[in-house]
Amino acid sequence: MTPALDTPREVPPGPVRTCIGCRQRTAKSELLRVVAGAGADGQPAVCPDPGGRAPGRGAHLHPTTECLDQAVRRRAFTRALRVTVGLSDVLLREHLDQIRETTDRNWSSSS
């Protein structure tokens, strides 16, 4: 037997999803859902869906630029969202920057 099969993995409570960037299984609540939508210019884009209620096929991603970069490099959005045209990730990058600024501001003000 292989050692990887002998060690049980710790499964988080509740729904579990796989990040399309790093491919790690994580609790759904820790991931950001994204959907295929239209950007400001009307072109197809990856849109953040923090509430998880947007219609259509969704994919999940850790809210970090590292996972976003990995997903873009591997073309994971096209595969996961099943779209045939290239998607812009500008809206998603703006959303992640906004999350980071809010987190940094809250952290620095609590010191």
N, C-alpha and C. Protein backbone atom coordinates (compact mmCIF):
# COMPACT_ATOMS: atom_id res chain seq x y z
N MET A 1 0.84 -1.19 0.00
CA MET A 1 0.00 0.00 0.00
C MET A 1 0.87 1.25 0.00
N THR A 2 0.35 2.28 -0.61
CA THR A 2 1.10 3.53 -0.63
C THR A 2 0.82 4.31 0.64
N PRO A 3 1.79 5.06 1.14
CA PRO A 3 1.58 5.82 2.37
C PRO A 3 0.49 6.87 2.24
N ALA A 4 0.30 7.42 1.02
CA ALA A 4 -0.72 8.46 0.85
C ALA A 4 -2.12 7.91 1.12
N LEU A 5 -2.34 6.64 0.82
CA LEU A 5 -3.66 6.06 1.04
C LEU A 5 -3.87 5.66 2.50
N ASP A 6 -2.76 5.44 3.22
CA ASP A 6 -2.87 5.03 4.62
C ASP A 6 -3.22 6.18 5.55
N THR A 7 -2.85 7.41 5.17
CA THR A 7 -3.10 8.56 6.04
C THR A 7 -4.44 9.20 5.68
N PRO A 8 -5.37 9.23 6.61
CA PRO A 8 -6.66 9.85 6.32
C PRO A 8 -6.52 11.37 6.23
N ARG A 9 -7.21 11.96 5.29
CA ARG A 9 -7.20 13.42 5.15
C ARG A 9 -8.28 14.00 6.05
N GLU A 10 -7.97 15.14 6.60
CA GLU A 10 -8.94 15.82 7.44
C GLU A 10 -9.93 16.55 6.54
N VAL A 11 -11.19 16.21 6.64
CA VAL A 11 -12.23 16.81 5.82
C VAL A 11 -12.90 17.92 6.63
N PRO A 12 -12.94 19.14 6.09
CA PRO A 12 -13.58 20.22 6.81
C PRO A 12 -15.10 19.98 6.92
N PRO A 13 -15.71 20.51 7.95
CA PRO A 13 -17.16 20.34 8.09
C PRO A 13 -17.91 21.15 7.03
N GLY A 14 -19.02 20.65 6.61
CA GLY A 14 -19.84 21.35 5.62
C GLY A 14 -19.41 21.03 4.20
N PRO A 15 -19.96 21.79 3.24
CA PRO A 15 -19.64 21.54 1.84
C PRO A 15 -18.15 21.78 1.54
N VAL A 16 -17.59 20.96 0.68
CA VAL A 16 -16.18 21.05 0.30
C VAL A 16 -16.10 21.31 -1.20
N ARG A 17 -15.24 22.22 -1.60
CA ARG A 17 -15.02 22.53 -3.01
C ARG A 17 -13.52 22.52 -3.29
N THR A 18 -13.15 22.44 -4.55
CA THR A 18 -11.75 22.44 -4.95
C THR A 18 -11.42 23.78 -5.58
N CYS A 19 -10.34 24.40 -5.14
CA CYS A 19 -9.86 25.66 -5.71
C CYS A 19 -9.32 25.36 -7.10
N ILE A 20 -9.75 26.11 -8.12
CA ILE A 20 -9.28 25.84 -9.47
C ILE A 20 -7.86 26.37 -9.69
N GLY A 21 -7.33 27.13 -8.74
CA GLY A 21 -5.96 27.61 -8.86
C GLY A 21 -4.96 26.62 -8.31
N CYS A 22 -5.05 26.30 -7.03
CA CYS A 22 -4.07 25.42 -6.38
C CYS A 22 -4.53 23.98 -6.31
N ARG A 23 -5.80 23.71 -6.66
CA ARG A 23 -6.37 22.36 -6.67
C ARG A 23 -6.49 21.75 -5.27
N GLN A 24 -6.52 22.56 -4.21
CA GLN A 24 -6.71 22.05 -2.86
C GLN A 24 -8.19 22.01 -2.52
N ARG A 25 -8.60 20.94 -1.85
CA ARG A 25 -9.98 20.84 -1.38
C ARG A 25 -10.09 21.63 -0.08
N THR A 26 -11.08 22.50 -0.02
CA THR A 26 -11.26 23.40 1.12
C THR A 26 -12.74 23.58 1.37
N ALA A 27 -13.07 24.03 2.57
CA ALA A 27 -14.46 24.34 2.89
C ALA A 27 -14.97 25.43 1.94
N LYS A 28 -16.18 25.27 1.49
CA LYS A 28 -16.78 26.21 0.54
C LYS A 28 -16.77 27.64 1.08
N SER A 29 -16.91 27.79 2.38
CA SER A 29 -16.97 29.12 2.99
C SER A 29 -15.64 29.88 2.89
N GLU A 30 -14.53 29.18 2.66
CA GLU A 30 -13.23 29.82 2.55
C GLU A 30 -12.87 30.21 1.12
N LEU A 31 -13.69 29.82 0.16
CA LEU A 31 -13.41 30.07 -1.24
C LEU A 31 -14.35 31.13 -1.80
N LEU A 32 -13.91 31.77 -2.88
CA LEU A 32 -14.71 32.76 -3.59
C LEU A 32 -15.29 32.11 -4.83
N ARG A 33 -16.59 32.21 -5.01
CA ARG A 33 -17.22 31.65 -6.20
C ARG A 33 -17.09 32.67 -7.32
N VAL A 34 -16.79 32.19 -8.52
CA VAL A 34 -16.71 33.06 -9.69
C VAL A 34 -17.59 32.46 -10.78
N VAL A 35 -18.12 33.33 -11.64
CA VAL A 35 -18.98 32.92 -12.75
C VAL A 35 -18.53 33.64 -14.00
N ALA A 36 -18.94 33.13 -15.15
CA ALA A 36 -18.68 33.80 -16.42
C ALA A 36 -19.78 34.84 -16.62
N GLY A 37 -19.37 36.07 -16.88
CA GLY A 37 -20.32 37.14 -17.09
C GLY A 37 -19.76 38.12 -18.10
N ALA A 38 -20.31 39.31 -18.11
CA ALA A 38 -19.84 40.35 -19.03
C ALA A 38 -19.16 41.44 -18.24
N GLY A 39 -18.04 41.90 -18.76
CA GLY A 39 -17.31 42.99 -18.13
C GLY A 39 -17.93 44.32 -18.47
N ALA A 40 -17.30 45.41 -18.04
CA ALA A 40 -17.82 46.76 -18.29
C ALA A 40 -17.86 47.08 -19.78
N ASP A 41 -16.95 46.49 -20.54
CA ASP A 41 -16.90 46.74 -21.98
C ASP A 41 -17.77 45.77 -22.78
N GLY A 42 -18.49 44.90 -22.10
CA GLY A 42 -19.36 43.94 -22.76
C GLY A 42 -18.68 42.66 -23.18
N GLN A 43 -17.38 42.57 -22.97
CA GLN A 43 -16.62 41.36 -23.32
C GLN A 43 -16.78 40.32 -22.22
N PRO A 44 -16.65 39.04 -22.54
CA PRO A 44 -16.75 37.98 -21.52
C PRO A 44 -15.68 38.18 -20.44
N ALA A 45 -16.08 37.98 -19.19
CA ALA A 45 -15.17 38.19 -18.08
C ALA A 45 -15.49 37.23 -16.94
N VAL A 46 -14.50 36.99 -16.10
CA VAL A 46 -14.69 36.22 -14.88
C VAL A 46 -15.19 37.20 -13.83
N CYS A 47 -16.38 36.97 -13.31
CA CYS A 47 -16.99 37.88 -12.34
C CYS A 47 -17.04 37.24 -10.96
N PRO A 48 -16.66 37.98 -9.92
CA PRO A 48 -16.76 37.43 -8.57
C PRO A 48 -18.22 37.31 -8.16
N ASP A 49 -18.53 36.29 -7.40
CA ASP A 49 -19.87 36.06 -6.89
C ASP A 49 -19.77 35.76 -5.39
N PRO A 50 -19.45 36.79 -4.58
CA PRO A 50 -19.23 36.52 -3.15
C PRO A 50 -20.45 35.96 -2.44
N GLY A 51 -21.65 36.30 -2.89
CA GLY A 51 -22.86 35.78 -2.26
C GLY A 51 -23.19 34.36 -2.70
N GLY A 52 -22.59 33.92 -3.80
CA GLY A 52 -22.83 32.57 -4.29
C GLY A 52 -24.22 32.36 -4.86
N ARG A 53 -24.85 33.42 -5.34
CA ARG A 53 -26.23 33.31 -5.83
C ARG A 53 -26.40 33.59 -7.32
N ALA A 54 -25.34 33.95 -8.01
CA ALA A 54 -25.47 34.28 -9.43
C ALA A 54 -25.86 33.03 -10.22
N PRO A 55 -26.69 33.21 -11.24
CA PRO A 55 -27.08 32.04 -12.03
C PRO A 55 -25.93 31.55 -12.90
N GLY A 56 -26.01 30.31 -13.27
CA GLY A 56 -25.01 29.76 -14.17
C GLY A 56 -23.97 28.92 -13.47
N ARG A 57 -23.09 28.38 -14.27
CA ARG A 57 -22.04 27.51 -13.77
C ARG A 57 -21.00 28.34 -13.03
N GLY A 58 -20.57 27.86 -11.89
CA GLY A 58 -19.58 28.58 -11.10
C GLY A 58 -18.35 27.74 -10.85
N ALA A 59 -17.30 28.41 -10.43
CA ALA A 59 -16.06 27.75 -10.03
C ALA A 59 -15.62 28.41 -8.74
N HIS A 60 -14.74 27.75 -8.00
CA HIS A 60 -14.31 28.27 -6.70
C HIS A 60 -12.81 28.49 -6.69
N LEU A 61 -12.40 29.55 -5.97
CA LEU A 61 -11.01 29.98 -5.97
C LEU A 61 -10.68 30.59 -4.62
N HIS A 62 -9.48 30.29 -4.10
CA HIS A 62 -9.04 30.99 -2.89
C HIS A 62 -8.93 32.48 -3.23
N PRO A 63 -9.33 33.36 -2.34
CA PRO A 63 -9.27 34.80 -2.66
C PRO A 63 -7.85 35.36 -2.53
N THR A 64 -6.90 34.78 -3.25
CA THR A 64 -5.52 35.24 -3.25
C THR A 64 -5.06 35.42 -4.69
N THR A 65 -4.11 36.33 -4.89
CA THR A 65 -3.58 36.54 -6.23
C THR A 65 -2.75 35.34 -6.70
N GLU A 66 -2.17 34.59 -5.76
CA GLU A 66 -1.39 33.42 -6.14
C GLU A 66 -2.28 32.38 -6.83
N CYS A 67 -3.42 32.09 -6.22
CA CYS A 67 -4.34 31.11 -6.82
C CYS A 67 -4.93 31.65 -8.12
N LEU A 68 -5.21 32.94 -8.18
CA LEU A 68 -5.72 33.54 -9.41
C LEU A 68 -4.69 33.41 -10.52
N ASP A 69 -3.43 33.71 -10.24
CA ASP A 69 -2.38 33.60 -11.24
C ASP A 69 -2.21 32.16 -11.73
N GLN A 70 -2.29 31.21 -10.81
CA GLN A 70 -2.19 29.79 -11.19
C GLN A 70 -3.36 29.39 -12.09
N ALA A 71 -4.55 29.85 -11.76
CA ALA A 71 -5.73 29.51 -12.55
C ALA A 71 -5.63 30.10 -13.96
N VAL A 72 -5.14 31.33 -14.06
CA VAL A 72 -4.98 31.96 -15.37
C VAL A 72 -3.91 31.23 -16.17
N ARG A 73 -2.79 30.92 -15.54
CA ARG A 73 -1.69 30.24 -16.23
C ARG A 73 -2.13 28.87 -16.76
N ARG A 74 -2.95 28.15 -16.01
CA ARG A 74 -3.41 26.82 -16.40
C ARG A 74 -4.67 26.84 -17.25
N ARG A 75 -5.21 28.03 -17.51
CA ARG A 75 -6.46 28.19 -18.27
C ARG A 75 -7.62 27.46 -17.61
N ALA A 76 -7.65 27.53 -16.30
CA ALA A 76 -8.65 26.78 -15.52
C ALA A 76 -10.05 27.40 -15.62
N PHE A 77 -10.14 28.71 -15.82
CA PHE A 77 -11.47 29.34 -15.89
C PHE A 77 -12.23 28.85 -17.11
N THR A 78 -11.57 28.78 -18.25
CA THR A 78 -12.22 28.32 -19.47
C THR A 78 -12.72 26.89 -19.30
N ARG A 79 -11.90 26.06 -18.68
CA ARG A 79 -12.28 24.65 -18.49
C ARG A 79 -13.39 24.51 -17.45
N ALA A 80 -13.25 25.18 -16.31
CA ALA A 80 -14.21 25.01 -15.21
C ALA A 80 -15.57 25.64 -15.53
N LEU A 81 -15.54 26.78 -16.20
CA LEU A 81 -16.80 27.47 -16.50
C LEU A 81 -17.39 27.04 -17.84
N ARG A 82 -16.65 26.21 -18.56
CA ARG A 82 -17.10 25.67 -19.85
C ARG A 82 -17.50 26.76 -20.84
N VAL A 83 -16.59 27.69 -21.04
CA VAL A 83 -16.79 28.73 -22.05
C VAL A 83 -15.73 28.55 -23.12
N THR A 84 -16.07 28.91 -24.36
CA THR A 84 -15.15 28.68 -25.46
C THR A 84 -14.30 29.89 -25.79
N VAL A 85 -14.69 31.06 -25.33
CA VAL A 85 -13.91 32.27 -25.62
C VAL A 85 -13.04 32.61 -24.42
N GLY A 86 -12.00 33.38 -24.66
CA GLY A 86 -11.13 33.81 -23.57
C GLY A 86 -11.86 34.75 -22.63
N LEU A 87 -11.55 34.64 -21.35
CA LEU A 87 -12.20 35.46 -20.34
C LEU A 87 -11.21 36.47 -19.77
N SER A 88 -11.67 37.67 -19.54
CA SER A 88 -10.84 38.68 -18.89
C SER A 88 -10.95 38.49 -17.38
N ASP A 89 -9.85 38.67 -16.67
CA ASP A 89 -9.87 38.51 -15.22
C ASP A 89 -9.75 39.85 -14.50
N VAL A 90 -10.00 40.96 -15.20
CA VAL A 90 -9.84 42.29 -14.62
C VAL A 90 -10.79 42.51 -13.45
N LEU A 91 -12.07 42.15 -13.62
CA LEU A 91 -13.04 42.35 -12.53
C LEU A 91 -12.65 41.55 -11.29
N LEU A 92 -12.18 40.35 -11.49
CA LEU A 92 -11.79 39.50 -10.37
C LEU A 92 -10.56 40.06 -9.66
N ARG A 93 -9.59 40.55 -10.42
CA ARG A 93 -8.40 41.16 -9.80
C ARG A 93 -8.77 42.40 -8.99
N GLU A 94 -9.68 43.22 -9.52
CA GLU A 94 -10.14 44.41 -8.78
C GLU A 94 -10.82 43.99 -7.48
N HIS A 95 -11.63 42.95 -7.54
CA HIS A 95 -12.33 42.47 -6.34
C HIS A 95 -11.33 41.98 -5.29
N LEU A 96 -10.31 41.22 -5.73
CA LEU A 96 -9.30 40.73 -4.79
C LEU A 96 -8.48 41.87 -4.19
N ASP A 97 -8.17 42.89 -5.00
CA ASP A 97 -7.45 44.06 -4.47
C ASP A 97 -8.29 44.78 -3.42
N GLN A 98 -9.58 44.88 -3.68
CA GLN A 98 -10.48 45.54 -2.73
C GLN A 98 -10.56 44.75 -1.43
N ILE A 99 -10.61 43.43 -1.52
CA ILE A 99 -10.63 42.59 -0.31
C ILE A 99 -9.35 42.78 0.48
N ARG A 100 -8.21 42.79 -0.23
CA ARG A 100 -6.92 42.93 0.44
C ARG A 100 -6.80 44.30 1.12
N GLU A 101 -7.25 45.37 0.44
CA GLU A 101 -7.19 46.70 1.05
C GLU A 101 -8.05 46.76 2.30
N THR A 102 -9.24 46.19 2.26
CA THR A 102 -10.12 46.19 3.42
C THR A 102 -9.50 45.41 4.56
N THR A 103 -8.93 44.26 4.26
CA THR A 103 -8.29 43.43 5.28
C THR A 103 -7.09 44.14 5.89
N ASP A 104 -6.25 44.74 5.04
CA ASP A 104 -5.10 45.47 5.54
C ASP A 104 -5.50 46.65 6.40
N ARG A 105 -6.53 47.36 5.99
CA ARG A 105 -7.00 48.53 6.74
C ARG A 105 -7.54 48.11 8.09
N ASN A 106 -8.33 47.02 8.12
CA ASN A 106 -8.88 46.54 9.39
C ASN A 106 -7.78 46.03 10.31
N TRP A 107 -6.78 45.39 9.75
CA TRP A 107 -5.70 44.85 10.56
C TRP A 107 -4.86 45.97 11.14
N SER A 108 -4.55 46.99 10.33
CA SER A 108 -3.69 48.07 10.83
C SER A 108 -4.42 48.96 11.83
N SER A 109 -5.74 49.08 11.71
CA SER A 109 -6.46 49.93 12.64
C SER A 109 -6.70 49.24 13.99
N SER A 110 -6.57 47.93 14.03
CA SER A 110 -6.81 47.23 15.29
C SER A 110 -5.57 47.14 16.15
N SER A 111 -4.42 47.60 15.65
CA SER A 111 -3.17 47.52 16.40
C SER A 111 -3.12 48.50 17.53
